[in-house]
Amino acid sequence: MQVYNLGIDQQTHKPSATVEYEITNLASHKAIVHTVESTQQMGNVGDQLTLARTLPLAAVEPGQYQVSIKVDDQVSKQSLTPTATFTVE
Protein backbone atom coordinates (compact mmCIF):
# COMPACT_ATOMS: atom_id res chain seq x y z
CA MET A 1 0.00 0.00 0.00
CA GLN A 2 1.25 3.47 -0.78
CA VAL A 3 0.43 6.50 1.37
CA TYR A 4 0.91 9.96 -0.10
CA ASN A 5 0.95 13.53 1.19
CA LEU A 6 1.80 12.90 4.83
CA GLY A 7 2.06 16.13 6.80
CA ILE A 8 5.60 17.27 7.54
CA ASP A 9 6.36 18.70 10.99
CA GLN A 10 7.85 22.18 10.51
CA GLN A 11 10.31 21.75 13.39
CA THR A 12 11.68 18.26 12.63
CA HIS A 13 11.05 18.30 8.86
CA LYS A 14 9.74 14.73 9.19
CA PRO A 15 6.28 13.15 9.13
CA SER A 16 4.69 11.84 12.31
CA ALA A 17 2.23 9.03 11.70
CA THR A 18 1.18 5.67 13.09
CA VAL A 19 0.22 2.66 11.01
CA GLU A 20 -2.04 0.02 12.53
CA TYR A 21 -2.41 -3.37 10.81
CA GLU A 22 -5.26 -5.70 11.69
CA ILE A 23 -6.38 -8.99 10.18
CA THR A 24 -9.73 -10.26 11.39
CA ASN A 25 -11.37 -13.64 10.91
CA LEU A 26 -14.81 -12.75 9.51
CA ALA A 27 -16.48 -15.88 10.91
CA SER A 28 -15.36 -15.42 14.52
CA HIS A 29 -14.74 -11.62 14.40
CA LYS A 30 -11.45 -12.24 16.21
CA ALA A 31 -8.28 -10.38 15.29
CA ILE A 32 -5.49 -12.78 14.37
CA VAL A 33 -2.95 -9.99 13.76
CA HIS A 34 -2.78 -6.58 15.38
CA THR A 35 0.39 -4.53 14.97
CA VAL A 36 1.13 -0.82 15.37
CA GLU A 37 4.22 1.00 14.17
CA SER A 38 5.20 4.64 13.80
CA THR A 39 7.13 6.58 11.18
CA GLN A 40 9.85 7.10 13.81
CA GLN A 41 10.44 3.30 13.77
CA MET A 42 10.53 3.17 9.97
CA GLY A 43 13.74 5.12 9.51
CA ASN A 44 14.13 7.60 6.66
CA VAL A 45 10.54 8.53 5.71
CA GLY A 46 9.36 11.45 3.58
CA ASP A 47 5.88 12.64 2.69
CA GLN A 48 5.01 9.21 1.28
CA LEU A 49 5.21 5.63 2.53
CA THR A 50 5.23 2.29 0.79
CA LEU A 51 3.89 -0.34 3.17
CA ALA A 52 4.60 -4.00 2.46
CA ARG A 53 4.12 -6.82 4.96
CA THR A 54 3.92 -10.58 4.70
CA LEU A 55 2.02 -13.07 6.81
CA PRO A 56 2.91 -16.76 7.01
CA LEU A 57 -0.36 -18.45 6.11
CA ALA A 58 0.61 -21.86 7.50
CA ALA A 59 -0.70 -20.76 10.90
CA VAL A 60 -3.94 -19.32 9.48
CA GLU A 61 -7.02 -21.53 9.31
CA PRO A 62 -9.02 -21.67 6.06
CA GLY A 63 -11.75 -19.04 5.89
CA GLN A 64 -12.53 -15.44 5.03
CA TYR A 65 -10.57 -12.59 6.53
CA GLN A 66 -10.46 -8.82 6.42
CA VAL A 67 -7.27 -6.79 6.46
CA SER A 68 -7.42 -3.15 7.55
CA ILE A 69 -4.56 -0.68 7.60
CA LYS A 70 -5.21 2.50 9.57
CA VAL A 71 -2.85 5.39 8.88
CA ASP A 72 -3.12 8.21 11.40
CA ASP A 73 -1.21 11.36 10.39
CA GLN A 74 -0.34 13.21 13.60
CA VAL A 75 0.71 16.39 11.75
CA SER A 76 -2.30 16.94 9.47
CA LYS A 77 -4.72 15.30 11.96
CA GLN A 78 -6.14 13.08 9.22
CA SER A 79 -6.57 9.33 9.10
CA LEU A 80 -7.69 6.72 6.62
CA THR A 81 -8.48 3.04 7.03
CA PRO A 82 -8.74 1.07 3.78
CA THR A 83 -9.93 -2.53 4.09
CA ALA A 84 -9.97 -5.58 1.88
CA THR A 85 -11.24 -9.13 2.26
CA PHE A 86 -9.39 -12.28 1.29
CA THR A 87 -9.89 -16.02 1.51
CA VAL A 88 -7.49 -18.67 2.78
CA GLU A 89 -8.22 -22.08 1.29
PDB file of N, CA and C in Angstrom:
ATOM      1  N   MET A   1       0.858  -1.167   0.000  1.00  0.00           N
ATOM      2  CA  MET A   1       0.000   0.000   0.000  1.00  0.00           C
ATOM      3  C   MET A   1       0.902   1.226   0.000  1.00  0.00           C
ATOM      4  N   GLN A   2       0.507   2.223  -0.754  1.00  0.00           N
ATOM      5  CA  GLN A   2       1.253   3.470  -0.775  1.00  0.00           C
ATOM      6  C   GLN A   2       0.413   4.569  -0.134  1.00  0.00           C
ATOM      7  N   VAL A   3       1.065   5.372   0.685  1.00  0.00           N
ATOM      8  CA  VAL A   3       0.433   6.496   1.372  1.00  0.00           C
ATOM      9  C   VAL A   3       1.134   7.760   0.904  1.00  0.00           C
ATOM     10  N   TYR A   4       0.360   8.725   0.435  1.00  0.00           N
ATOM     11  CA  TYR A   4       0.910   9.959  -0.103  1.00  0.00           C
ATOM     12  C   TYR A   4       0.495  11.150   0.749  1.00  0.00           C
ATOM     13  N   ASN A   5       1.267  12.228   0.615  1.00  0.00           N
ATOM     14  CA  ASN A   5       0.945  13.534   1.194  1.00  0.00           C
ATOM     15  C   ASN A   5       0.838  13.525   2.712  1.00  0.00           C
ATOM     16  N   LEU A   6       1.746  12.811   3.380  1.00  0.00           N
ATOM     17  CA  LEU A   6       1.799  12.904   4.832  1.00  0.00           C
ATOM     18  C   LEU A   6       2.219  14.314   5.217  1.00  0.00           C
ATOM     19  N   GLY A   7       1.670  14.809   6.313  1.00  0.00           N
ATOM     20  CA  GLY A   7       2.058  16.126   6.795  1.00  0.00           C
ATOM     21  C   GLY A   7       3.486  16.100   7.321  1.00  0.00           C
ATOM     22  N   ILE A   8       4.217  17.155   7.091  1.00  0.00           N
ATOM     23  CA  ILE A   8       5.601  17.267   7.544  1.00  0.00           C
ATOM     24  C   ILE A   8       5.656  18.262   8.694  1.00  0.00           C
ATOM     25  N   ASP A   9       6.200  17.838   9.821  1.00  0.00           N
ATOM     26  CA  ASP A   9       6.363  18.700  10.986  1.00  0.00           C
ATOM     27  C   ASP A   9       7.363  19.800  10.645  1.00  0.00           C
ATOM     28  N   GLN A  10       7.003  21.054  10.884  1.00  0.00           N
ATOM     29  CA  GLN A  10       7.853  22.181  10.511  1.00  0.00           C
ATOM     30  C   GLN A  10       9.133  22.276  11.350  1.00  0.00           C
ATOM     31  N   GLN A  11       9.127  21.701  12.544  1.00  0.00           N
ATOM     32  CA  GLN A  11      10.314  21.750  13.393  1.00  0.00           C
ATOM     33  C   GLN A  11      11.303  20.629  13.076  1.00  0.00           C
ATOM     34  N   THR A  12      10.787  19.413  12.875  1.00  0.00           N
ATOM     35  CA  THR A  12      11.677  18.265  12.635  1.00  0.00           C
ATOM     36  C   THR A  12      11.885  17.982  11.158  1.00  0.00           C
ATOM     37  N   HIS A  13      11.030  18.540  10.303  1.00  0.00           N
ATOM     38  CA  HIS A  13      11.052  18.303   8.858  1.00  0.00           C
ATOM     39  C   HIS A  13      10.827  16.834   8.524  1.00  0.00           C
ATOM     40  N   LYS A  14      10.063  16.139   9.382  1.00  0.00           N
ATOM     41  CA  LYS A  14       9.738  14.732   9.187  1.00  0.00           C
ATOM     42  C   LYS A  14       8.247  14.528   9.423  1.00  0.00           C
ATOM     43  N   PRO A  15       7.672  13.475   8.838  1.00  0.00           N
ATOM     44  CA  PRO A  15       6.277  13.154   9.134  1.00  0.00           C
ATOM     45  C   PRO A  15       6.170  12.509  10.511  1.00  0.00           C
ATOM     46  N   SER A  16       4.984  12.521  11.055  1.00  0.00           N
ATOM     47  CA  SER A  16       4.694  11.837  12.309  1.00  0.00           C
ATOM     48  C   SER A  16       3.362  11.129  12.126  1.00  0.00           C
ATOM     49  N   ALA A  17       3.437   9.809  11.951  1.00  0.00           N
ATOM     50  CA  ALA A  17       2.225   9.034  11.701  1.00  0.00           C
ATOM     51  C   ALA A  17       2.354   7.665  12.349  1.00  0.00           C
ATOM     52  N   THR A  18       1.201   7.061  12.631  1.00  0.00           N
ATOM     53  CA  THR A  18       1.181   5.674  13.092  1.00  0.00           C
ATOM     54  C   THR A  18       0.438   4.846  12.052  1.00  0.00           C
ATOM     55  N   VAL A  19       0.855   3.593  11.934  1.00  0.00           N
ATOM     56  CA  VAL A  19       0.223   2.660  11.012  1.00  0.00           C
ATOM     57  C   VAL A  19      -0.191   1.447  11.831  1.00  0.00           C
ATOM     58  N   GLU A  20      -1.479   1.131  11.763  1.00  0.00           N
ATOM     59  CA  GLU A  20      -2.037   0.017  12.528  1.00  0.00           C
ATOM     60  C   GLU A  20      -2.552  -1.041  11.557  1.00  0.00           C
ATOM     61  N   TYR A  21      -2.012  -2.251  11.670  1.00  0.00           N
ATOM     62  CA  TYR A  21      -2.412  -3.365  10.811  1.00  0.00           C
ATOM     63  C   TYR A  21      -3.304  -4.300  11.621  1.00  0.00           C
ATOM     64  N   GLU A  22      -4.414  -4.729  11.010  1.00  0.00           N
ATOM     65  CA  GLU A  22      -5.261  -5.702  11.689  1.00  0.00           C
ATOM     66  C   GLU A  22      -5.848  -6.666  10.669  1.00  0.00           C
ATOM     67  N   ILE A  23      -5.748  -7.955  10.990  1.00  0.00           N
ATOM     68  CA  ILE A  23      -6.385  -8.994  10.179  1.00  0.00           C
ATOM     69  C   ILE A  23      -7.390  -9.688  11.078  1.00  0.00           C
ATOM     70  N   THR A  24      -8.634  -9.722  10.608  1.00  0.00           N
ATOM     71  CA  THR A  24      -9.734 -10.255  11.395  1.00  0.00           C
ATOM     72  C   THR A  24     -10.374 -11.438  10.672  1.00  0.00           C
ATOM     73  N   ASN A  25     -10.620 -12.505  11.426  1.00  0.00           N
ATOM     74  CA  ASN A  25     -11.371 -13.642  10.909  1.00  0.00           C
ATOM     75  C   ASN A  25     -12.835 -13.212  10.841  1.00  0.00           C
ATOM     76  N   LEU A  26     -13.437 -13.237   9.663  1.00  0.00           N
ATOM     77  CA  LEU A  26     -14.811 -12.745   9.510  1.00  0.00           C
ATOM     78  C   LEU A  26     -15.844 -13.670  10.141  1.00  0.00           C
ATOM     79  N   ALA A  27     -15.535 -14.951  10.294  1.00  0.00           N
ATOM     80  CA  ALA A  27     -16.481 -15.884  10.911  1.00  0.00           C
ATOM     81  C   ALA A  27     -16.550 -15.683  12.426  1.00  0.00           C
ATOM     82  N   SER A  28     -15.403 -15.541  13.054  1.00  0.00           N
ATOM     83  CA  SER A  28     -15.364 -15.416  14.520  1.00  0.00           C
ATOM     84  C   SER A  28     -15.247 -13.971  14.997  1.00  0.00           C
ATOM     85  N   HIS A  29     -14.948 -13.052  14.079  1.00  0.00           N
ATOM     86  CA  HIS A  29     -14.744 -11.624  14.397  1.00  0.00           C
ATOM     87  C   HIS A  29     -13.577 -11.422  15.368  1.00  0.00           C
ATOM     88  N   LYS A  30     -12.629 -12.361  15.357  1.00  0.00           N
ATOM     89  CA  LYS A  30     -11.452 -12.242  16.208  1.00  0.00           C
ATOM     90  C   LYS A  30     -10.261 -11.771  15.379  1.00  0.00           C
ATOM     91  N   ALA A  31      -9.489 -10.853  15.958  1.00  0.00           N
ATOM     92  CA  ALA A  31      -8.281 -10.377  15.293  1.00  0.00           C
ATOM     93  C   ALA A  31      -7.195 -11.438  15.440  1.00  0.00           C
ATOM     94  N   ILE A  32      -6.587 -11.815  14.315  1.00  0.00           N
ATOM     95  CA  ILE A  32      -5.486 -12.775  14.375  1.00  0.00           C
ATOM     96  C   ILE A  32      -4.137 -12.065  14.280  1.00  0.00           C
ATOM     97  N   VAL A  33      -4.150 -10.827  13.808  1.00  0.00           N
ATOM     98  CA  VAL A  33      -2.947  -9.994  13.758  1.00  0.00           C
ATOM     99  C   VAL A  33      -3.360  -8.586  14.146  1.00  0.00           C
ATOM    100  N   HIS A  34      -2.571  -7.992  15.031  1.00  0.00           N
ATOM    101  CA  HIS A  34      -2.781  -6.581  15.382  1.00  0.00           C
ATOM    102  C   HIS A  34      -1.399  -6.005  15.695  1.00  0.00           C
ATOM    103  N   THR A  35      -0.936  -5.109  14.837  1.00  0.00           N
ATOM    104  CA  THR A  35       0.392  -4.530  14.974  1.00  0.00           C
ATOM    105  C   THR A  35       0.310  -3.028  14.740  1.00  0.00           C
ATOM    106  N   VAL A  36       1.069  -2.277  15.525  1.00  0.00           N
ATOM    107  CA  VAL A  36       1.129  -0.824  15.367  1.00  0.00           C
ATOM    108  C   VAL A  36       2.598  -0.420  15.254  1.00  0.00           C
ATOM    109  N   GLU A  37       2.888   0.448  14.293  1.00  0.00           N
ATOM    110  CA  GLU A  37       4.224   1.003  14.171  1.00  0.00           C
ATOM    111  C   GLU A  37       4.124   2.482  13.838  1.00  0.00           C
ATOM    112  N   SER A  38       5.204   3.199  14.067  1.00  0.00           N
ATOM    113  CA  SER A  38       5.200   4.637  13.797  1.00  0.00           C
ATOM    114  C   SER A  38       6.263   4.965  12.759  1.00  0.00           C
ATOM    115  N   THR A  39       6.141   6.145  12.170  1.00  0.00           N
ATOM    116  CA  THR A  39       7.130   6.576  11.179  1.00  0.00           C
ATOM    117  C   THR A  39       8.502   6.742  11.827  1.00  0.00           C
ATOM    118  N   GLN A  40       8.557   6.999  13.129  1.00  0.00           N
ATOM    119  CA  GLN A  40       9.847   7.099  13.814  1.00  0.00           C
ATOM    120  C   GLN A  40      10.575   5.755  13.787  1.00  0.00           C
ATOM    121  N   GLN A  41       9.845   4.637  13.813  1.00  0.00           N
ATOM    122  CA  GLN A  41      10.436   3.302  13.773  1.00  0.00           C
ATOM    123  C   GLN A  41      10.853   2.898  12.366  1.00  0.00           C
ATOM    124  N   MET A  42      10.315   3.565  11.364  1.00  0.00           N
ATOM    125  CA  MET A  42      10.528   3.168   9.974  1.00  0.00           C
ATOM    126  C   MET A  42      11.814   3.718   9.368  1.00  0.00           C
ATOM    127  N   GLY A  43      12.496   4.580  10.058  1.00  0.00           N
ATOM    128  CA  GLY A  43      13.738   5.117   9.512  1.00  0.00           C
ATOM    129  C   GLY A  43      13.511   6.355   8.679  1.00  0.00           C
ATOM    130  N   ASN A  44      14.159   6.425   7.530  1.00  0.00           N
ATOM    131  CA  ASN A  44      14.128   7.603   6.665  1.00  0.00           C
ATOM    132  C   ASN A  44      12.821   7.636   5.870  1.00  0.00           C
ATOM    133  N   VAL A  45      11.873   8.442   6.320  1.00  0.00           N
ATOM    134  CA  VAL A  45      10.542   8.526   5.705  1.00  0.00           C
ATOM    135  C   VAL A  45      10.292   9.957   5.261  1.00  0.00           C
ATOM    136  N   GLY A  46       9.729  10.123   4.078  1.00  0.00           N
ATOM    137  CA  GLY A  46       9.365  11.446   3.577  1.00  0.00           C
ATOM    138  C   GLY A  46       7.867  11.646   3.657  1.00  0.00           C
ATOM    139  N   ASP A  47       7.320  12.369   2.679  1.00  0.00           N
ATOM    140  CA  ASP A  47       5.882  12.639   2.690  1.00  0.00           C
ATOM    141  C   ASP A  47       5.070  11.497   2.097  1.00  0.00           C
ATOM    142  N   GLN A  48       5.734  10.391   1.749  1.00  0.00           N
ATOM    143  CA  GLN A  48       5.007   9.214   1.278  1.00  0.00           C
ATOM    144  C   GLN A  48       5.628   7.957   1.858  1.00  0.00           C
ATOM    145  N   LEU A  49       4.794   6.928   1.990  1.00  0.00           N
ATOM    146  CA  LEU A  49       5.211   5.631   2.528  1.00  0.00           C
ATOM    147  C   LEU A  49       4.804   4.537   1.568  1.00  0.00           C
ATOM    148  N   THR A  50       5.630   3.522   1.454  1.00  0.00           N
ATOM    149  CA  THR A  50       5.233   2.290   0.786  1.00  0.00           C
ATOM    150  C   THR A  50       5.234   1.216   1.857  1.00  0.00           C
ATOM    151  N   LEU A  51       4.049   0.666   2.125  1.00  0.00           N
ATOM    152  CA  LEU A  51       3.888  -0.339   3.171  1.00  0.00           C
ATOM    153  C   LEU A  51       3.785  -1.712   2.525  1.00  0.00           C
ATOM    154  N   ALA A  52       4.629  -2.630   2.969  1.00  0.00           N
ATOM    155  CA  ALA A  52       4.601  -4.002   2.457  1.00  0.00           C
ATOM    156  C   ALA A  52       4.875  -4.939   3.620  1.00  0.00           C
ATOM    157  N   ARG A  53       3.972  -5.846   3.883  1.00  0.00           N
ATOM    158  CA  ARG A  53       4.118  -6.815   4.964  1.00  0.00           C
ATOM    159  C   ARG A  53       3.719  -8.192   4.451  1.00  0.00           C
ATOM    160  N   THR A  54       4.297  -9.209   5.053  1.00  0.00           N
ATOM    161  CA  THR A  54       3.923 -10.579   4.704  1.00  0.00           C
ATOM    162  C   THR A  54       3.405 -11.277   5.951  1.00  0.00           C
ATOM    163  N   LEU A  55       2.596 -12.285   5.730  1.00  0.00           N
ATOM    164  CA  LEU A  55       2.018 -13.071   6.810  1.00  0.00           C
ATOM    165  C   LEU A  55       2.167 -14.538   6.454  1.00  0.00           C
ATOM    166  N   PRO A  56       2.825 -15.335   7.296  1.00  0.00           N
ATOM    167  CA  PRO A  56       2.915 -16.761   7.009  1.00  0.00           C
ATOM    168  C   PRO A  56       1.537 -17.410   7.174  1.00  0.00           C
ATOM    169  N   LEU A  57       1.003 -17.917   6.089  1.00  0.00           N
ATOM    170  CA  LEU A  57      -0.362 -18.450   6.107  1.00  0.00           C
ATOM    171  C   LEU A  57      -0.466 -19.867   6.663  1.00  0.00           C
ATOM    172  N   ALA A  58       0.660 -20.506   6.948  1.00  0.00           N
ATOM    173  CA  ALA A  58       0.613 -21.861   7.496  1.00  0.00           C
ATOM    174  C   ALA A  58      -0.122 -21.893   8.835  1.00  0.00           C
ATOM    175  N   ALA A  59      -0.053 -20.817   9.597  1.00  0.00           N
ATOM    176  CA  ALA A  59      -0.703 -20.760  10.903  1.00  0.00           C
ATOM    177  C   ALA A  59      -2.131 -20.221  10.838  1.00  0.00           C
ATOM    178  N   VAL A  60      -2.601 -19.903   9.643  1.00  0.00           N
ATOM    179  CA  VAL A  60      -3.936 -19.316   9.480  1.00  0.00           C
ATOM    180  C   VAL A  60      -4.900 -20.380   8.977  1.00  0.00           C
ATOM    181  N   GLU A  61      -6.006 -20.538   9.697  1.00  0.00           N
ATOM    182  CA  GLU A  61      -7.018 -21.526   9.306  1.00  0.00           C
ATOM    183  C   GLU A  61      -7.744 -21.080   8.043  1.00  0.00           C
ATOM    184  N   PRO A  62      -8.235 -22.041   7.238  1.00  0.00           N
ATOM    185  CA  PRO A  62      -9.021 -21.665   6.061  1.00  0.00           C
ATOM    186  C   PRO A  62     -10.252 -20.844   6.465  1.00  0.00           C
ATOM    187  N   GLY A  63     -10.589 -19.885   5.629  1.00  0.00           N
ATOM    188  CA  GLY A  63     -11.754 -19.041   5.893  1.00  0.00           C
ATOM    189  C   GLY A  63     -11.596 -17.682   5.260  1.00  0.00           C
ATOM    190  N   GLN A  64     -12.560 -16.808   5.562  1.00  0.00           N
ATOM    191  CA  GLN A  64     -12.532 -15.444   5.029  1.00  0.00           C
ATOM    192  C   GLN A  64     -12.020 -14.495   6.093  1.00  0.00           C
ATOM    193  N   TYR A  65     -11.210 -13.544   5.640  1.00  0.00           N
ATOM    194  CA  TYR A  65     -10.567 -12.593   6.532  1.00  0.00           C
ATOM    195  C   TYR A  65     -10.685 -11.189   5.964  1.00  0.00           C
ATOM    196  N   GLN A  66     -10.510 -10.220   6.845  1.00  0.00           N
ATOM    197  CA  GLN A  66     -10.463  -8.821   6.423  1.00  0.00           C
ATOM    198  C   GLN A  66      -9.170  -8.210   6.938  1.00  0.00           C
ATOM    199  N   VAL A  67      -8.471  -7.528   6.063  1.00  0.00           N
ATOM    200  CA  VAL A  67      -7.274  -6.787   6.465  1.00  0.00           C
ATOM    201  C   VAL A  67      -7.629  -5.303   6.452  1.00  0.00           C
ATOM    202  N   SER A  68      -7.235  -4.596   7.506  1.00  0.00           N
ATOM    203  CA  SER A  68      -7.415  -3.148   7.547  1.00  0.00           C
ATOM    204  C   SER A  68      -6.089  -2.520   7.954  1.00  0.00           C
ATOM    205  N   ILE A  69      -5.794  -1.403   7.322  1.00  0.00           N
ATOM    206  CA  ILE A  69      -4.559  -0.676   7.598  1.00  0.00           C
ATOM    207  C   ILE A  69      -4.958   0.765   7.891  1.00  0.00           C
ATOM    208  N   LYS A  70      -4.838   1.139   9.156  1.00  0.00           N
ATOM    209  CA  LYS A  70      -5.209   2.495   9.567  1.00  0.00           C
ATOM    210  C   LYS A  70      -3.956   3.353   9.626  1.00  0.00           C
ATOM    211  N   VAL A  71      -3.957   4.438   8.869  1.00  0.00           N
ATOM    212  CA  VAL A  71      -2.850   5.392   8.878  1.00  0.00           C
ATOM    213  C   VAL A  71      -3.369   6.664   9.546  1.00  0.00           C
ATOM    214  N   ASP A  72      -2.718   7.036  10.630  1.00  0.00           N
ATOM    215  CA  ASP A  72      -3.117   8.212  11.402  1.00  0.00           C
ATOM    216  C   ASP A  72      -1.989   9.243  11.340  1.00  0.00           C
ATOM    217  N   ASP A  73      -2.201  10.304  10.575  1.00  0.00           N
ATOM    218  CA  ASP A  73      -1.208  11.360  10.390  1.00  0.00           C
ATOM    219  C   ASP A  73      -1.333  12.342  11.555  1.00  0.00           C
ATOM    220  N   GLN A  74      -0.323  12.359  12.417  1.00  0.00           N
ATOM    221  CA  GLN A  74      -0.344  13.214  13.604  1.00  0.00           C
ATOM    222  C   GLN A  74      -0.172  14.694  13.260  1.00  0.00           C
ATOM    223  N   VAL A  75       0.457  15.005  12.128  1.00  0.00           N
ATOM    224  CA  VAL A  75       0.712  16.394  11.746  1.00  0.00           C
ATOM    225  C   VAL A  75      -0.537  17.029  11.146  1.00  0.00           C
ATOM    226  N   SER A  76      -1.124  16.369  10.147  1.00  0.00           N
ATOM    227  CA  SER A  76      -2.297  16.944   9.474  1.00  0.00           C
ATOM    228  C   SER A  76      -3.606  16.603  10.185  1.00  0.00           C
ATOM    229  N   LYS A  77      -3.532  15.733  11.197  1.00  0.00           N
ATOM    230  CA  LYS A  77      -4.716  15.302  11.963  1.00  0.00           C
ATOM    231  C   LYS A  77      -5.741  14.606  11.067  1.00  0.00           C
ATOM    232  N   GLN A  78      -5.257  13.852  10.097  1.00  0.00           N
ATOM    233  CA  GLN A  78      -6.136  13.078   9.219  1.00  0.00           C
ATOM    234  C   GLN A  78      -5.818  11.600   9.371  1.00  0.00           C
ATOM    235  N   SER A  79      -6.810  10.770   9.089  1.00  0.00           N
ATOM    236  CA  SER A  79      -6.566   9.329   9.096  1.00  0.00           C
ATOM    237  C   SER A  79      -7.390   8.685   7.997  1.00  0.00           C
ATOM    238  N   LEU A  80      -6.928   7.508   7.580  1.00  0.00           N
ATOM    239  CA  LEU A  80      -7.685   6.722   6.625  1.00  0.00           C
ATOM    240  C   LEU A  80      -7.498   5.262   6.989  1.00  0.00           C
ATOM    241  N   THR A  81      -8.518   4.450   6.688  1.00  0.00           N
ATOM    242  CA  THR A  81      -8.481   3.037   7.030  1.00  0.00           C
ATOM    243  C   THR A  81      -9.054   2.212   5.868  1.00  0.00           C
ATOM    244  N   PRO A  82      -8.244   1.937   4.850  1.00  0.00           N
ATOM    245  CA  PRO A  82      -8.739   1.069   3.784  1.00  0.00           C
ATOM    246  C   PRO A  82      -8.805  -0.380   4.286  1.00  0.00           C
ATOM    247  N   THR A  83      -9.782  -1.123   3.746  1.00  0.00           N
ATOM    248  CA  THR A  83      -9.933  -2.528   4.093  1.00  0.00           C
ATOM    249  C   THR A  83     -10.080  -3.360   2.829  1.00  0.00           C
ATOM    250  N   ALA A  84      -9.776  -4.633   2.975  1.00  0.00           N
ATOM    251  CA  ALA A  84      -9.972  -5.585   1.877  1.00  0.00           C
ATOM    252  C   ALA A  84     -10.227  -6.960   2.488  1.00  0.00           C
ATOM    253  N   THR A  85     -10.996  -7.773   1.800  1.00  0.00           N
ATOM    254  CA  THR A  85     -11.237  -9.132   2.261  1.00  0.00           C
ATOM    255  C   THR A  85     -10.435 -10.093   1.415  1.00  0.00           C
ATOM    256  N   PHE A  86     -10.094 -11.241   2.014  1.00  0.00           N
ATOM    257  CA  PHE A  86      -9.388 -12.279   1.287  1.00  0.00           C
ATOM    258  C   PHE A  86      -9.775 -13.635   1.868  1.00  0.00           C
ATOM    259  N   THR A  87      -9.534 -14.671   1.105  1.00  0.00           N
ATOM    260  CA  THR A  87      -9.891 -16.020   1.510  1.00  0.00           C
ATOM    261  C   THR A  87      -8.647 -16.887   1.577  1.00  0.00           C
ATOM    262  N   VAL A  88      -8.548 -17.672   2.644  1.00  0.00           N
ATOM    263  CA  VAL A  88      -7.490 -18.666   2.782  1.00  0.00           C
ATOM    264  C   VAL A  88      -8.158 -20.024   2.559  1.00  0.00           C
ATOM    265  N   GLU A  89      -7.632 -20.764   1.611  1.00  0.00           N
ATOM    266  CA  GLU A  89      -8.218 -22.082   1.293  1.00  0.00           C
ATOM    267  C   GLU A  89      -7.330 -23.208   1.734  1.00  0.00           C
TER     268      GLU A  89
END
